[in-house]
Amino acid sequence: MTTTVKCPTCQRPVPWVPESRYKPFCSERCRLIDLGDWLDEAHRISEPADDEVGRDWLEAYATEAQRRH
């Protein structure tokens, strides 16, 4: 059985298979609409990660950044 998700833009069903070129979006149009919303700041991450997983990720990122410099 194939997993199906809803397109975040238009809510159409999208099969979660390698052939779904724009997943989780149903089309390039919906993908670009979402990108435009991020660029216009209609979508944003309002709070910094404050959970254990987020903290672990931030620490790993900081460590990697220090190694690069």
PDB file of N, CA and C in Angstrom:
ATOM      1  N   MET A   1       0.836  -1.182   0.000  1.00  0.00           N
ATOM      2  CA  MET A   1       0.000   0.000   0.000  1.00  0.00           C
ATOM      3  C   MET A   1       0.887   1.253   0.000  1.00  0.00           C
ATOM      4  N   THR A   2       0.582   2.190  -0.843  1.00  0.00           N
ATOM      5  CA  THR A   2       1.344   3.425  -0.971  1.00  0.00           C
ATOM      6  C   THR A   2       0.837   4.462   0.027  1.00  0.00           C
ATOM      7  N   THR A   3       1.760   5.113   0.701  1.00  0.00           N
ATOM      8  CA  THR A   3       1.398   6.196   1.612  1.00  0.00           C
ATOM      9  C   THR A   3       1.020   7.420   0.791  1.00  0.00           C
ATOM     10  N   THR A   4      -0.022   8.089   1.225  1.00  0.00           N
ATOM     11  CA  THR A   4      -0.483   9.307   0.561  1.00  0.00           C
ATOM     12  C   THR A   4      -0.496  10.438   1.567  1.00  0.00           C
ATOM     13  N   VAL A   5      -0.006  11.606   1.154  1.00  0.00           N
ATOM     14  CA  VAL A   5      -0.029  12.805   2.000  1.00  0.00           C
ATOM     15  C   VAL A   5      -0.821  13.881   1.274  1.00  0.00           C
ATOM     16  N   LYS A   6      -1.240  14.900   2.006  1.00  0.00           N
ATOM     17  CA  LYS A   6      -1.941  16.021   1.392  1.00  0.00           C
ATOM     18  C   LYS A   6      -0.933  17.084   0.987  1.00  0.00           C
ATOM     19  N   CYS A   7      -1.124  17.634  -0.191  1.00  0.00           N
ATOM     20  CA  CYS A   7      -0.294  18.745  -0.645  1.00  0.00           C
ATOM     21  C   CYS A   7      -0.482  19.898   0.343  1.00  0.00           C
ATOM     22  N   PRO A   8       0.606  20.460   0.878  1.00  0.00           N
ATOM     23  CA  PRO A   8       0.473  21.549   1.848  1.00  0.00           C
ATOM     24  C   PRO A   8      -0.208  22.800   1.292  1.00  0.00           C
ATOM     25  N   THR A   9      -0.206  22.960  -0.021  1.00  0.00           N
ATOM     26  CA  THR A   9      -0.779  24.157  -0.621  1.00  0.00           C
ATOM     27  C   THR A   9      -2.252  23.988  -0.963  1.00  0.00           C
ATOM     28  N   CYS A  10      -2.600  22.900  -1.665  1.00  0.00           N
ATOM     29  CA  CYS A  10      -3.978  22.752  -2.161  1.00  0.00           C
ATOM     30  C   CYS A  10      -4.736  21.587  -1.541  1.00  0.00           C
ATOM     31  N   GLN A  11      -4.069  20.792  -0.739  1.00  0.00           N
ATOM     32  CA  GLN A  11      -4.670  19.661  -0.027  1.00  0.00           C
ATOM     33  C   GLN A  11      -5.001  18.460  -0.918  1.00  0.00           C
ATOM     34  N   ARG A  12      -4.569  18.447  -2.170  1.00  0.00           N
ATOM     35  CA  ARG A  12      -4.783  17.275  -3.025  1.00  0.00           C
ATOM     36  C   ARG A  12      -3.927  16.120  -2.525  1.00  0.00           C
ATOM     37  N   PRO A  13      -4.375  14.884  -2.702  1.00  0.00           N
ATOM     38  CA  PRO A  13      -3.564  13.733  -2.290  1.00  0.00           C
ATOM     39  C   PRO A  13      -2.325  13.574  -3.174  1.00  0.00           C
ATOM     40  N   VAL A  14      -1.199  13.277  -2.534  1.00  0.00           N
ATOM     41  CA  VAL A  14       0.064  13.072  -3.240  1.00  0.00           C
ATOM     42  C   VAL A  14       0.627  11.727  -2.798  1.00  0.00           C
ATOM     43  N   PRO A  15       0.806  10.785  -3.724  1.00  0.00           N
ATOM     44  CA  PRO A  15       1.412   9.503  -3.340  1.00  0.00           C
ATOM     45  C   PRO A  15       2.880   9.702  -2.976  1.00  0.00           C
ATOM     46  N   TRP A  16       3.307   9.088  -1.874  1.00  0.00           N
ATOM     47  CA  TRP A  16       4.693   9.232  -1.406  1.00  0.00           C
ATOM     48  C   TRP A  16       5.526   8.124  -2.043  1.00  0.00           C
ATOM     49  N   VAL A  17       5.875   8.347  -3.307  1.00  0.00           N
ATOM     50  CA  VAL A  17       6.671   7.387  -4.081  1.00  0.00           C
ATOM     51  C   VAL A  17       7.778   8.158  -4.795  1.00  0.00           C
ATOM     52  N   PRO A  18       8.852   7.477  -5.199  1.00  0.00           N
ATOM     53  CA  PRO A  18       9.954   8.174  -5.873  1.00  0.00           C
ATOM     54  C   PRO A  18       9.521   8.932  -7.129  1.00  0.00           C
ATOM     55  N   GLU A  19       8.473   8.468  -7.773  1.00  0.00           N
ATOM     56  CA  GLU A  19       8.017   9.113  -9.003  1.00  0.00           C
ATOM     57  C   GLU A  19       7.314  10.445  -8.750  1.00  0.00           C
ATOM     58  N   SER A  20       6.922  10.722  -7.517  1.00  0.00           N
ATOM     59  CA  SER A  20       6.265  11.996  -7.189  1.00  0.00           C
ATOM     60  C   SER A  20       7.343  13.071  -7.139  1.00  0.00           C
ATOM     61  N   ARG A  21       7.505  13.749  -8.239  1.00  0.00           N
ATOM     62  CA  ARG A  21       8.633  14.667  -8.446  1.00  0.00           C
ATOM     63  C   ARG A  21       8.660  15.835  -7.463  1.00  0.00           C
ATOM     64  N   TYR A  22       7.501  16.333  -7.057  1.00  0.00           N
ATOM     65  CA  TYR A  22       7.457  17.550  -6.242  1.00  0.00           C
ATOM     66  C   TYR A  22       7.038  17.291  -4.800  1.00  0.00           C
ATOM     67  N   LYS A  23       7.052  16.042  -4.364  1.00  0.00           N
ATOM     68  CA  LYS A  23       6.550  15.734  -3.020  1.00  0.00           C
ATOM     69  C   LYS A  23       7.221  16.588  -1.963  1.00  0.00           C
ATOM     70  N   PRO A  24       6.537  17.050  -0.984  1.00  0.00           N
ATOM     71  CA  PRO A  24       5.157  16.746  -0.609  1.00  0.00           C
ATOM     72  C   PRO A  24       4.115  17.514  -1.407  1.00  0.00           C
ATOM     73  N   PHE A  25       4.534  18.310  -2.399  1.00  0.00           N
ATOM     74  CA  PHE A  25       3.586  19.087  -3.194  1.00  0.00           C
ATOM     75  C   PHE A  25       3.092  18.255  -4.366  1.00  0.00           C
ATOM     76  N   CYS A  26       1.928  18.623  -4.897  1.00  0.00           N
ATOM     77  CA  CYS A  26       1.364  17.882  -6.025  1.00  0.00           C
ATOM     78  C   CYS A  26       1.912  18.365  -7.352  1.00  0.00           C
ATOM     79  N   SER A  27       2.459  19.563  -7.393  1.00  0.00           N
ATOM     80  CA  SER A  27       2.932  20.129  -8.661  1.00  0.00           C
ATOM     81  C   SER A  27       3.987  21.198  -8.391  1.00  0.00           C
ATOM     82  N   GLU A  28       4.666  21.594  -9.463  1.00  0.00           N
ATOM     83  CA  GLU A  28       5.637  22.673  -9.332  1.00  0.00           C
ATOM     84  C   GLU A  28       4.934  23.973  -8.930  1.00  0.00           C
ATOM     85  N   ARG A  29       3.724  24.175  -9.442  1.00  0.00           N
ATOM     86  CA  ARG A  29       2.960  25.385  -9.100  1.00  0.00           C
ATOM     87  C   ARG A  29       2.766  25.487  -7.592  1.00  0.00           C
ATOM     88  N   CYS A  30       2.313  24.410  -6.951  1.00  0.00           N
ATOM     89  CA  CYS A  30       2.095  24.439  -5.502  1.00  0.00           C
ATOM     90  C   CYS A  30       3.413  24.620  -4.748  1.00  0.00           C
ATOM     91  N   ARG A  31       4.480  24.013  -5.258  1.00  0.00           N
ATOM     92  CA  ARG A  31       5.794  24.170  -4.625  1.00  0.00           C
ATOM     93  C   ARG A  31       6.233  25.627  -4.677  1.00  0.00           C
ATOM     94  N   LEU A  32       6.036  26.281  -5.817  1.00  0.00           N
ATOM     95  CA  LEU A  32       6.436  27.679  -5.961  1.00  0.00           C
ATOM     96  C   LEU A  32       5.553  28.624  -5.155  1.00  0.00           C
ATOM     97  N   ILE A  33       4.286  28.308  -5.025  1.00  0.00           N
ATOM     98  CA  ILE A  33       3.403  29.112  -4.167  1.00  0.00           C
ATOM     99  C   ILE A  33       3.912  29.066  -2.736  1.00  0.00           C
ATOM    100  N   ASP A  34       4.277  27.873  -2.268  1.00  0.00           N
ATOM    101  CA  ASP A  34       4.793  27.734  -0.903  1.00  0.00           C
ATOM    102  C   ASP A  34       6.115  28.489  -0.736  1.00  0.00           C
ATOM    103  N   LEU A  35       6.995  28.373  -1.714  1.00  0.00           N
ATOM    104  CA  LEU A  35       8.266  29.098  -1.655  1.00  0.00           C
ATOM    105  C   LEU A  35       8.018  30.603  -1.570  1.00  0.00           C
ATOM    106  N   GLY A  36       7.082  31.098  -2.376  1.00  0.00           N
ATOM    107  CA  GLY A  36       6.743  32.512  -2.334  1.00  0.00           C
ATOM    108  C   GLY A  36       6.224  32.947  -0.975  1.00  0.00           C
ATOM    109  N   ASP A  37       5.440  32.072  -0.329  1.00  0.00           N
ATOM    110  CA  ASP A  37       4.945  32.386   1.017  1.00  0.00           C
ATOM    111  C   ASP A  37       6.094  32.502   2.011  1.00  0.00           C
ATOM    112  N   TRP A  38       7.089  31.623   1.895  1.00  0.00           N
ATOM    113  CA  TRP A  38       8.250  31.719   2.787  1.00  0.00           C
ATOM    114  C   TRP A  38       9.029  33.007   2.514  1.00  0.00           C
ATOM    115  N   LEU A  39       9.210  33.326   1.238  1.00  0.00           N
ATOM    116  CA  LEU A  39       9.966  34.535   0.895  1.00  0.00           C
ATOM    117  C   LEU A  39       9.244  35.811   1.316  1.00  0.00           C
ATOM    118  N   ASP A  40       7.910  35.784   1.282  1.00  0.00           N
ATOM    119  CA  ASP A  40       7.109  36.932   1.736  1.00  0.00           C
ATOM    120  C   ASP A  40       6.925  36.944   3.251  1.00  0.00           C
ATOM    121  N   GLU A  41       7.498  35.953   3.923  1.00  0.00           N
ATOM    122  CA  GLU A  41       7.406  35.764   5.373  1.00  0.00           C
ATOM    123  C   GLU A  41       5.984  35.512   5.851  1.00  0.00           C
ATOM    124  N   ALA A  42       5.151  34.936   4.969  1.00  0.00           N
ATOM    125  CA  ALA A  42       3.830  34.490   5.404  1.00  0.00           C
ATOM    126  C   ALA A  42       3.980  33.252   6.283  1.00  0.00           C
ATOM    127  N   HIS A  43       5.039  32.470   6.023  1.00  0.00           N
ATOM    128  CA  HIS A  43       5.410  31.341   6.880  1.00  0.00           C
ATOM    129  C   HIS A  43       6.695  31.742   7.591  1.00  0.00           C
ATOM    130  N   ARG A  44       6.806  31.396   8.841  1.00  0.00           N
ATOM    131  CA  ARG A  44       8.069  31.633   9.537  1.00  0.00           C
ATOM    132  C   ARG A  44       8.139  30.740  10.761  1.00  0.00           C
ATOM    133  N   ILE A  45       9.318  30.512  11.213  1.00  0.00           N
ATOM    134  CA  ILE A  45       9.540  29.763  12.439  1.00  0.00           C
ATOM    135  C   ILE A  45       9.645  30.809  13.529  1.00  0.00           C
ATOM    136  N   SER A  46       8.641  30.844  14.392  1.00  0.00           N
ATOM    137  CA  SER A  46       8.532  31.951  15.328  1.00  0.00           C
ATOM    138  C   SER A  46       9.341  31.764  16.607  1.00  0.00           C
ATOM    139  N   GLU A  47       9.588  30.549  16.983  1.00  0.00           N
ATOM    140  CA  GLU A  47      10.306  30.286  18.231  1.00  0.00           C
ATOM    141  C   GLU A  47      11.551  29.456  17.943  1.00  0.00           C
ATOM    142  N   PRO A  48      12.632  29.703  18.641  1.00  0.00           N
ATOM    143  CA  PRO A  48      13.790  28.827  18.484  1.00  0.00           C
ATOM    144  C   PRO A  48      13.471  27.427  19.032  1.00  0.00           C
ATOM    145  N   ALA A  49      14.168  26.449  18.511  1.00  0.00           N
ATOM    146  CA  ALA A  49      13.961  25.075  18.988  1.00  0.00           C
ATOM    147  C   ALA A  49      14.280  25.008  20.466  1.00  0.00           C
ATOM    148  N   ASP A  50      13.339  24.521  21.243  1.00  0.00           N
ATOM    149  CA  ASP A  50      13.535  24.470  22.691  1.00  0.00           C
ATOM    150  C   ASP A  50      13.326  23.060  23.225  1.00  0.00           C
ATOM    151  N   ASP A  51      13.343  22.095  22.348  1.00  0.00           N
ATOM    152  CA  ASP A  51      13.196  20.728  22.817  1.00  0.00           C
ATOM    153  C   ASP A  51      14.552  20.029  22.740  1.00  0.00           C
ATOM    154  N   GLU A  52      14.618  18.827  23.247  1.00  0.00           N
ATOM    155  CA  GLU A  52      15.877  18.107  23.312  1.00  0.00           C
ATOM    156  C   GLU A  52      16.444  17.833  21.922  1.00  0.00           C
ATOM    157  N   VAL A  53      15.596  17.447  20.982  1.00  0.00           N
ATOM    158  CA  VAL A  53      16.065  17.169  19.626  1.00  0.00           C
ATOM    159  C   VAL A  53      16.607  18.435  18.988  1.00  0.00           C
ATOM    160  N   GLY A  54      15.912  19.537  19.128  1.00  0.00           N
ATOM    161  CA  GLY A  54      16.377  20.794  18.573  1.00  0.00           C
ATOM    162  C   GLY A  54      17.698  21.235  19.174  1.00  0.00           C
ATOM    163  N   ARG A  55      17.842  21.052  20.476  1.00  0.00           N
ATOM    164  CA  ARG A  55      19.074  21.429  21.162  1.00  0.00           C
ATOM    165  C   ARG A  55      20.238  20.581  20.656  1.00  0.00           C
ATOM    166  N   ASP A  56      20.002  19.267  20.502  1.00  0.00           N
ATOM    167  CA  ASP A  56      21.047  18.377  19.997  1.00  0.00           C
ATOM    168  C   ASP A  56      21.484  18.795  18.603  1.00  0.00           C
ATOM    169  N   TRP A  57      20.517  19.163  17.761  1.00  0.00           N
ATOM    170  CA  TRP A  57      20.828  19.563  16.403  1.00  0.00           C
ATOM    171  C   TRP A  57      21.648  20.858  16.411  1.00  0.00           C
ATOM    172  N   LEU A  58      21.241  21.820  17.234  1.00  0.00           N
ATOM    173  CA  LEU A  58      21.967  23.087  17.293  1.00  0.00           C
ATOM    174  C   LEU A  58      23.400  22.891  17.782  1.00  0.00           C
ATOM    175  N   GLU A  59      23.586  22.031  18.765  1.00  0.00           N
ATOM    176  CA  GLU A  59      24.939  21.768  19.277  1.00  0.00           C
ATOM    177  C   GLU A  59      25.795  21.101  18.206  1.00  0.00           C
ATOM    178  N   ALA A  60      25.236  20.145  17.489  1.00  0.00           N
ATOM    179  CA  ALA A  60      25.976  19.468  16.422  1.00  0.00           C
ATOM    180  C   ALA A  60      26.328  20.451  15.311  1.00  0.00           C
ATOM    181  N   TYR A  61      25.396  21.333  14.972  1.00  0.00           N
ATOM    182  CA  TYR A  61      25.638  22.337  13.929  1.00  0.00           C
ATOM    183  C   TYR A  61      26.755  23.286  14.361  1.00  0.00           C
ATOM    184  N   ALA A  62      26.719  23.736  15.600  1.00  0.00           N
ATOM    185  CA  ALA A  62      27.745  24.649  16.107  1.00  0.00           C
ATOM    186  C   ALA A  62      29.119  23.974  16.098  1.00  0.00           C
ATOM    187  N   THR A  63      29.172  22.713  16.489  1.00  0.00           N
ATOM    188  CA  THR A  63      30.429  21.971  16.495  1.00  0.00           C
ATOM    189  C   THR A  63      30.976  21.851  15.083  1.00  0.00           C
ATOM    190  N   GLU A  64      30.112  21.525  14.129  1.00  0.00           N
ATOM    191  CA  GLU A  64      30.530  21.401  12.720  1.00  0.00           C
ATOM    192  C   GLU A  64      31.014  22.748  12.196  1.00  0.00           C
ATOM    193  N   ALA A  65      30.340  23.811  12.522  1.00  0.00           N
ATOM    194  CA  ALA A  65      30.730  25.147  12.059  1.00  0.00           C
ATOM    195  C   ALA A  65      32.100  25.532  12.610  1.00  0.00           C
ATOM    196  N   GLN A  66      32.378  25.168  13.861  1.00  0.00           N
ATOM    197  CA  GLN A  66      33.683  25.474  14.458  1.00  0.00           C
ATOM    198  C   GLN A  66      34.786  24.706  13.765  1.00  0.00           C
ATOM    199  N   ARG A  67      34.512  23.461  13.365  1.00  0.00           N
ATOM    200  CA  ARG A  67      35.522  22.654  12.672  1.00  0.00           C
ATOM    201  C   ARG A  67      35.875  23.246  11.307  1.00  0.00           C
ATOM    202  N   ARG A  68      34.919  23.874  10.668  1.00  0.00           N
ATOM    203  CA  ARG A  68      35.144  24.427   9.332  1.00  0.00           C
ATOM    204  C   ARG A  68      36.027  25.670   9.378  1.00  0.00           C
ATOM    205  N   HIS A  69      36.058  26.369  10.503  1.00  0.00           N
ATOM    206  CA  HIS A  69      36.797  27.631  10.573  1.00  0.00           C
ATOM    207  C   HIS A  69      38.160  27.417  11.101  1.00  0.00           C
TER     208      HIS A  69
END
